[in-house]
């Protein structure tokens, strides 16, 4: 008889015996993407090494894990800090960050494909309403916590030669300028549509045929003169040599399962955000305020 330690893949029955769980519960957890598994010709298979990793993550609140994957909203400061952390840990750990937009990031978090999701779905004044309302649309939100990262300036990005033409904000949406959109579910697109609504306009009325998957991609289209104007954060505009008109101060926050909050990589990131060197970097990039970084904002209730 093959011992569990000799297995590469396990059946649902073997997993139920290995973890002392009801076999129906194993199937349910696999379907809900809680247990790592793959379905081949209608049969679930569970890689034993990933089952062991899942147990380790669960029983130690992730403190012994050697990897952390961040997804969600795009941000230059976070990208630089994650790269700095990876240069410090070398080959001993993996800390990764892929920007997907707020909604897709939350989908990935809810399915267990990511450890942390960043989002910016409302202004600082509206954060306490908009962010929890967004999170409560996910089935396992009761197990999540939301922690404040920092605030960012969001607004219109355009080439320097167009800056003077964007000062009369009530006329911006009436121009025939070529707009770059963000994908559905991105926080920047949400901000743009909310701002347009306050101007008595809608995104459908704009001249827009390009959709960017990140703020840096959006800025690139404008800098190359493939488009004229778009919506994003101040730091992206500055690094791309674009002009910027601020419209909203938003809250850029971190969402994660409760256990992940104690993971050493995440705590290292929050400690890094509090360092004077990071404060100086944020000031250089432009538009950031790191006050109250790491403050617990929401606990799933």
Protein backbone atom coordinates (compact mmCIF):
# COMPACT_ATOMS: atom_id res chain seq x y z
CA UNK A 1 0.00 0.00 0.00
CA UNK A 2 1.32 3.42 -0.92
CA UNK A 3 2.00 5.59 2.10
CA UNK A 4 0.78 9.23 2.01
CA UNK A 5 4.40 10.42 2.17
CA UNK A 6 5.17 8.60 -1.12
CA UNK A 7 2.34 10.21 -3.07
CA UNK A 8 2.69 13.00 -5.60
CA UNK A 9 -1.06 13.32 -6.23
CA UNK A 10 -3.86 12.30 -3.88
CA UNK A 11 -7.48 11.42 -4.53
CA UNK A 12 -10.33 13.06 -2.63
CA UNK A 13 -10.63 9.91 -0.49
CA UNK A 14 -6.92 9.99 0.35
CA UNK A 15 -7.10 13.69 1.22
CA UNK A 16 -10.12 13.08 3.46
CA UNK A 17 -8.15 10.40 5.34
CA UNK A 18 -4.96 12.47 5.41
CA UNK A 19 -6.70 15.56 6.82
CA UNK A 20 -9.37 13.66 8.76
CA UNK A 21 -12.16 15.40 6.84
CA UNK A 22 -15.45 14.16 5.44
CA UNK A 23 -14.98 13.26 1.77
CA UNK A 24 -17.93 15.46 0.75
CA UNK A 25 -16.25 18.35 2.56
CA UNK A 26 -13.07 17.75 0.53
CA UNK A 27 -15.05 17.97 -2.73
CA UNK A 28 -16.78 21.14 -1.52
CA UNK A 29 -13.47 22.78 -0.58
CA UNK A 30 -11.99 21.83 -3.95
CA UNK A 31 -14.95 23.30 -5.85
CA UNK A 32 -14.69 26.50 -3.78
CA UNK A 33 -10.95 26.76 -4.60
CA UNK A 34 -10.04 26.46 -0.92
CA UNK A 35 -7.99 23.28 -1.30
CA UNK A 36 -5.32 23.24 -4.06
CA UNK A 37 -6.53 20.76 -6.69
CA UNK A 38 -6.94 20.15 -10.39
CA UNK A 39 -9.69 18.28 -12.23
CA UNK A 40 -8.63 15.84 -14.96
CA UNK A 41 -11.34 14.01 -16.99
CA UNK A 42 -13.85 14.83 -14.26
CA UNK A 43 -11.71 13.55 -11.38
CA UNK A 44 -10.16 15.76 -8.71
CA UNK A 45 -6.43 15.33 -8.05
CA UNK A 46 -4.67 17.03 -5.14
CA UNK A 47 -0.88 17.69 -5.31
CA UNK A 48 0.38 16.52 -1.93
CA UNK A 49 3.12 19.14 -1.70
CA UNK A 50 0.49 21.89 -2.09
CA UNK A 51 -1.83 20.24 0.44
CA UNK A 52 1.06 20.27 2.94
CA UNK A 53 1.78 23.92 2.13
CA UNK A 54 -1.91 24.78 2.58
CA UNK A 55 -1.89 23.13 6.03
CA UNK A 56 1.28 25.01 6.99
CA UNK A 57 -0.19 28.34 5.89
CA UNK A 58 -3.39 27.65 7.80
CA UNK A 59 -1.97 26.45 11.10
CA UNK A 60 0.63 29.19 11.53
CA UNK A 61 -1.32 32.15 10.12
CA UNK A 62 1.06 32.07 7.20
CA UNK A 63 4.03 33.09 9.38
CA UNK A 64 6.15 30.18 8.13
CA UNK A 65 5.31 30.66 4.46
CA UNK A 66 8.13 31.54 2.11
CA UNK A 67 6.06 33.46 -0.44
CA UNK A 68 3.52 36.26 -0.71
CA UNK A 69 1.66 37.32 -3.84
CA UNK A 70 0.05 40.78 -4.02
CA UNK A 71 -2.45 41.63 -6.73
CA UNK A 72 -5.07 44.31 -7.39
CA UNK A 73 -4.57 47.99 -8.16
CA UNK A 74 -1.50 49.35 -9.95
CA UNK A 75 0.89 51.59 -8.01
CA UNK A 76 4.50 52.73 -8.70
CA UNK A 77 5.49 53.07 -5.03
CA UNK A 78 4.34 49.57 -4.19
CA UNK A 79 6.13 48.15 -7.25
CA UNK A 80 9.38 49.73 -6.14
CA UNK A 81 9.03 48.53 -2.55
CA UNK A 82 8.29 44.95 -3.60
CA UNK A 83 11.35 45.00 -5.88
CA UNK A 84 13.44 46.33 -2.98
CA UNK A 85 12.17 43.56 -0.68
CA UNK A 86 13.02 40.89 -3.26
CA UNK A 87 16.57 42.24 -3.58
CA UNK A 88 16.89 41.91 0.21
CA UNK A 89 15.58 38.34 0.56
CA UNK A 90 17.36 37.02 -2.53
CA UNK A 91 16.58 33.38 -3.34
CA UNK A 92 15.15 32.45 0.07
CA UNK A 93 11.61 33.81 -0.51
CA UNK A 94 9.28 35.04 -3.24
CA UNK A 95 7.39 38.31 -2.95
CA UNK A 96 5.50 39.18 -6.13
CA UNK A 97 3.10 41.89 -7.29
CA UNK A 98 0.87 41.80 -10.37
CA UNK A 99 -1.53 44.64 -11.11
CA UNK A 100 -4.96 43.47 -12.27
CA UNK A 101 -7.32 46.24 -11.20
CA UNK A 102 -9.30 46.30 -7.98
CA UNK A 103 -12.20 43.97 -8.86
CA UNK A 104 -10.19 41.24 -10.59
CA UNK A 105 -7.73 41.38 -7.71
CA UNK A 106 -10.53 40.74 -5.23
CA UNK A 107 -11.80 37.86 -7.38
CA UNK A 108 -8.32 36.30 -7.28
CA UNK A 109 -8.08 36.87 -3.52
CA UNK A 110 -11.45 35.21 -2.93
CA UNK A 111 -10.36 32.17 -4.98
CA UNK A 112 -7.10 31.78 -3.09
CA UNK A 113 -4.83 32.74 -6.00
CA UNK A 114 -3.42 35.77 -4.16
CA UNK A 115 -2.52 36.57 -0.55
CA UNK A 116 -3.15 40.33 -0.61
CA UNK A 117 -5.22 42.64 -2.82
CA UNK A 118 -4.74 46.38 -3.14
CA UNK A 119 -7.67 48.60 -4.04
CA UNK A 120 -8.70 52.23 -4.43
CA UNK A 121 -12.45 52.45 -4.89
CA UNK A 122 -13.29 55.72 -3.18
CA UNK A 123 -12.00 59.06 -2.00
CA UNK A 124 -10.67 59.44 1.53
CA UNK A 125 -14.04 60.89 2.55
CA UNK A 126 -16.00 58.00 1.01
CA UNK A 127 -13.63 55.14 1.86
CA UNK A 128 -15.47 53.97 4.97
CA UNK A 129 -18.58 53.38 2.84
CA UNK A 130 -17.34 52.46 -0.64
CA UNK A 131 -14.56 50.02 0.29
CA UNK A 132 -16.60 47.84 2.70
CA UNK A 133 -19.55 47.87 0.28
CA UNK A 134 -17.26 46.52 -2.46
CA UNK A 135 -15.74 43.83 -0.23
CA UNK A 136 -19.10 42.59 1.01
CA UNK A 137 -19.91 41.44 -2.51
CA UNK A 138 -17.54 38.48 -2.03
CA UNK A 139 -18.67 35.31 -0.29
CA UNK A 140 -15.70 34.96 2.06
CA UNK A 141 -15.35 38.63 3.00
CA UNK A 142 -16.06 37.82 6.66
CA UNK A 143 -12.56 36.32 6.88
CA UNK A 144 -10.88 39.43 5.43
CA UNK A 145 -9.37 42.52 6.99
CA UNK A 146 -8.58 45.85 5.32
CA UNK A 147 -5.51 47.87 6.29
CA UNK A 148 -4.69 51.40 5.17
CA UNK A 149 -1.73 51.82 2.87
CA UNK A 150 -1.57 55.50 1.93
CA UNK A 151 -3.47 58.22 0.10
CA UNK A 152 -2.75 59.21 -3.52
CA UNK A 153 -3.69 62.12 -5.73
CA UNK A 154 -5.82 60.99 -8.68
CA UNK A 155 -6.82 63.11 -11.61
CA UNK A 156 -6.36 63.91 -15.29
CA UNK A 157 -3.13 63.08 -17.12
CA UNK A 158 -2.20 64.82 -20.36
CA UNK A 159 0.85 66.00 -22.32
CA UNK A 160 2.37 69.31 -21.10
CA UNK A 161 1.20 71.18 -24.21
CA UNK A 162 -2.42 70.38 -23.28
CA UNK A 163 -2.23 71.41 -19.62
CA UNK A 164 -3.59 74.93 -20.11
CA UNK A 165 -6.59 73.53 -22.00
CA UNK A 166 -7.63 71.38 -19.01
CA UNK A 167 -8.06 74.16 -16.46
CA UNK A 168 -11.77 74.67 -17.16
CA UNK A 169 -12.88 71.31 -15.80
CA UNK A 170 -16.52 71.71 -16.74
CA UNK A 171 -15.49 71.82 -20.42
CA UNK A 172 -13.04 68.90 -20.47
CA UNK A 173 -15.64 66.22 -21.19
CA UNK A 174 -17.06 68.29 -24.07
CA UNK A 175 -13.82 68.20 -26.09
CA UNK A 176 -13.13 65.74 -28.90
CA UNK A 177 -9.90 64.58 -27.26
CA UNK A 178 -8.84 60.94 -27.51
CA UNK A 179 -9.30 59.30 -24.11
CA UNK A 180 -7.57 56.20 -22.77
CA UNK A 181 -9.88 54.05 -20.67
CA UNK A 182 -8.96 51.52 -18.00
CA UNK A 183 -10.44 48.03 -17.94
CA UNK A 184 -13.78 47.46 -16.23
CA UNK A 185 -13.26 46.95 -12.51
CA UNK A 186 -10.21 49.22 -12.25
CA UNK A 187 -10.34 51.84 -9.51
CA UNK A 188 -9.16 54.59 -11.87
CA UNK A 189 -12.02 53.87 -14.26
CA UNK A 190 -14.43 53.99 -11.33
CA UNK A 191 -13.05 57.40 -10.31
CA UNK A 192 -13.31 58.72 -13.88
CA UNK A 193 -16.93 57.63 -14.28
CA UNK A 194 -17.86 59.12 -10.90
CA UNK A 195 -16.22 62.43 -11.81
CA UNK A 196 -17.94 62.52 -15.21
CA UNK A 197 -21.30 61.88 -13.57
CA UNK A 198 -20.75 64.93 -11.34
CA UNK A 199 -20.05 66.93 -14.52
CA UNK A 200 -23.36 65.79 -15.99
CA UNK A 201 -21.58 63.57 -18.54
CA UNK A 202 -20.90 59.86 -19.05
CA UNK A 203 -17.95 57.84 -20.25
CA UNK A 204 -19.92 56.59 -23.27
CA UNK A 205 -19.98 60.17 -24.61
CA UNK A 206 -16.17 60.40 -24.74
CA UNK A 207 -13.98 59.67 -27.75
CA UNK A 208 -12.29 56.52 -26.47
CA UNK A 209 -11.04 53.44 -28.35
CA UNK A 210 -8.01 52.37 -26.26
CA UNK A 211 -8.24 50.35 -23.03
CA UNK A 212 -5.11 50.18 -20.84
CA UNK A 213 -4.56 47.39 -18.32
CA UNK A 214 -2.47 49.56 -15.97
CA UNK A 215 -1.90 53.22 -15.22
CA UNK A 216 1.62 53.05 -16.63
CA UNK A 217 0.29 51.58 -19.87
CA UNK A 218 -2.27 54.39 -20.00
CA UNK A 219 0.44 57.03 -19.51
CA UNK A 220 2.51 55.44 -22.27
CA UNK A 221 -0.28 55.86 -24.81
CA UNK A 222 -0.50 59.57 -23.99
CA UNK A 223 3.26 60.13 -23.95
CA UNK A 224 3.56 58.49 -27.40
CA UNK A 225 0.69 60.67 -28.72
CA UNK A 226 -1.54 57.65 -29.34
CA UNK A 227 -4.09 59.42 -27.12
CA UNK A 228 -4.58 62.81 -25.47
CA UNK A 229 -5.90 62.33 -21.96
CA UNK A 230 -6.67 59.77 -19.28
CA UNK A 231 -7.29 59.30 -15.57
CA UNK A 232 -4.66 58.08 -13.11
CA UNK A 233 -2.42 58.92 -10.18
CA UNK A 234 0.04 61.81 -9.96
CA UNK A 235 3.15 59.65 -9.54
CA UNK A 236 2.50 57.84 -12.85
CA UNK A 237 1.97 61.15 -14.67
CA UNK A 238 5.22 62.60 -13.34
CA UNK A 239 7.37 59.56 -14.15
CA UNK A 240 6.03 59.64 -17.73
CA UNK A 241 6.71 63.35 -18.22
CA UNK A 242 2.99 64.20 -18.34
CA UNK A 243 1.07 67.08 -16.79
CA UNK A 244 -1.46 66.40 -14.07
CA UNK A 245 -4.65 68.05 -12.81
CA UNK A 246 -5.64 66.67 -9.37
CA UNK A 247 -9.31 65.85 -8.86
CA UNK A 248 -9.53 63.50 -5.89
CA UNK A 249 -7.49 62.27 -2.93
CA UNK A 250 -8.09 58.54 -2.74
CA UNK A 251 -7.36 55.84 -0.19
CA UNK A 252 -5.06 53.05 -1.44
CA UNK A 253 -5.66 50.10 0.88
CA UNK A 254 -4.64 46.46 1.42
CA UNK A 255 -7.12 43.58 1.83
CA UNK A 256 -6.14 40.10 2.99
CA UNK A 257 -7.45 37.07 4.92
CA UNK A 258 -7.04 37.59 8.66
CA UNK A 259 -4.21 35.08 8.96
CA UNK A 260 -2.19 36.68 6.19
CA UNK A 261 -2.01 39.92 8.17
CA UNK A 262 0.58 38.30 10.44
CA UNK A 263 2.71 36.93 7.60
CA UNK A 264 6.25 38.18 8.03
CA UNK A 265 6.55 39.49 4.46
CA UNK A 266 3.48 41.71 4.87
CA UNK A 267 4.67 43.03 8.23
CA UNK A 268 8.05 43.74 6.62
CA UNK A 269 6.27 45.71 3.89
CA UNK A 270 4.36 47.82 6.43
CA UNK A 271 7.59 48.42 8.37
CA UNK A 272 9.27 49.49 5.13
CA UNK A 273 6.44 51.95 4.43
CA UNK A 274 7.08 53.58 7.81
CA UNK A 275 10.80 54.16 7.19
CA UNK A 276 12.07 57.71 6.51
CA UNK A 277 13.69 56.51 3.28
CA UNK A 278 10.29 55.42 1.97
CA UNK A 279 8.78 58.74 3.01
CA UNK A 280 11.43 60.49 0.93
CA UNK A 281 10.79 58.16 -2.02
CA UNK A 282 7.05 58.88 -1.84
CA UNK A 283 7.74 62.63 -1.84
CA UNK A 284 9.98 62.22 -4.90
CA UNK A 285 7.34 60.22 -6.79
CA UNK A 286 4.66 62.78 -5.90
CA UNK A 287 1.08 62.73 -4.68
CA UNK A 288 1.46 60.35 -1.71
CA UNK A 289 0.69 60.73 2.00
CA UNK A 290 1.78 57.79 4.18
CA UNK A 291 0.09 59.01 7.36
CA UNK A 292 -1.66 56.16 9.26
CA UNK A 293 -0.05 53.47 7.09
CA UNK A 294 -0.83 50.04 8.57
CA UNK A 295 -3.94 51.19 10.43
CA UNK A 296 -6.71 48.59 10.58
CA UNK A 297 -9.76 49.97 8.78
CA UNK A 298 -12.18 47.03 8.60
CA UNK A 299 -12.37 43.52 10.06
CA UNK A 300 -15.01 41.79 7.97
CA UNK A 301 -18.01 43.04 9.94
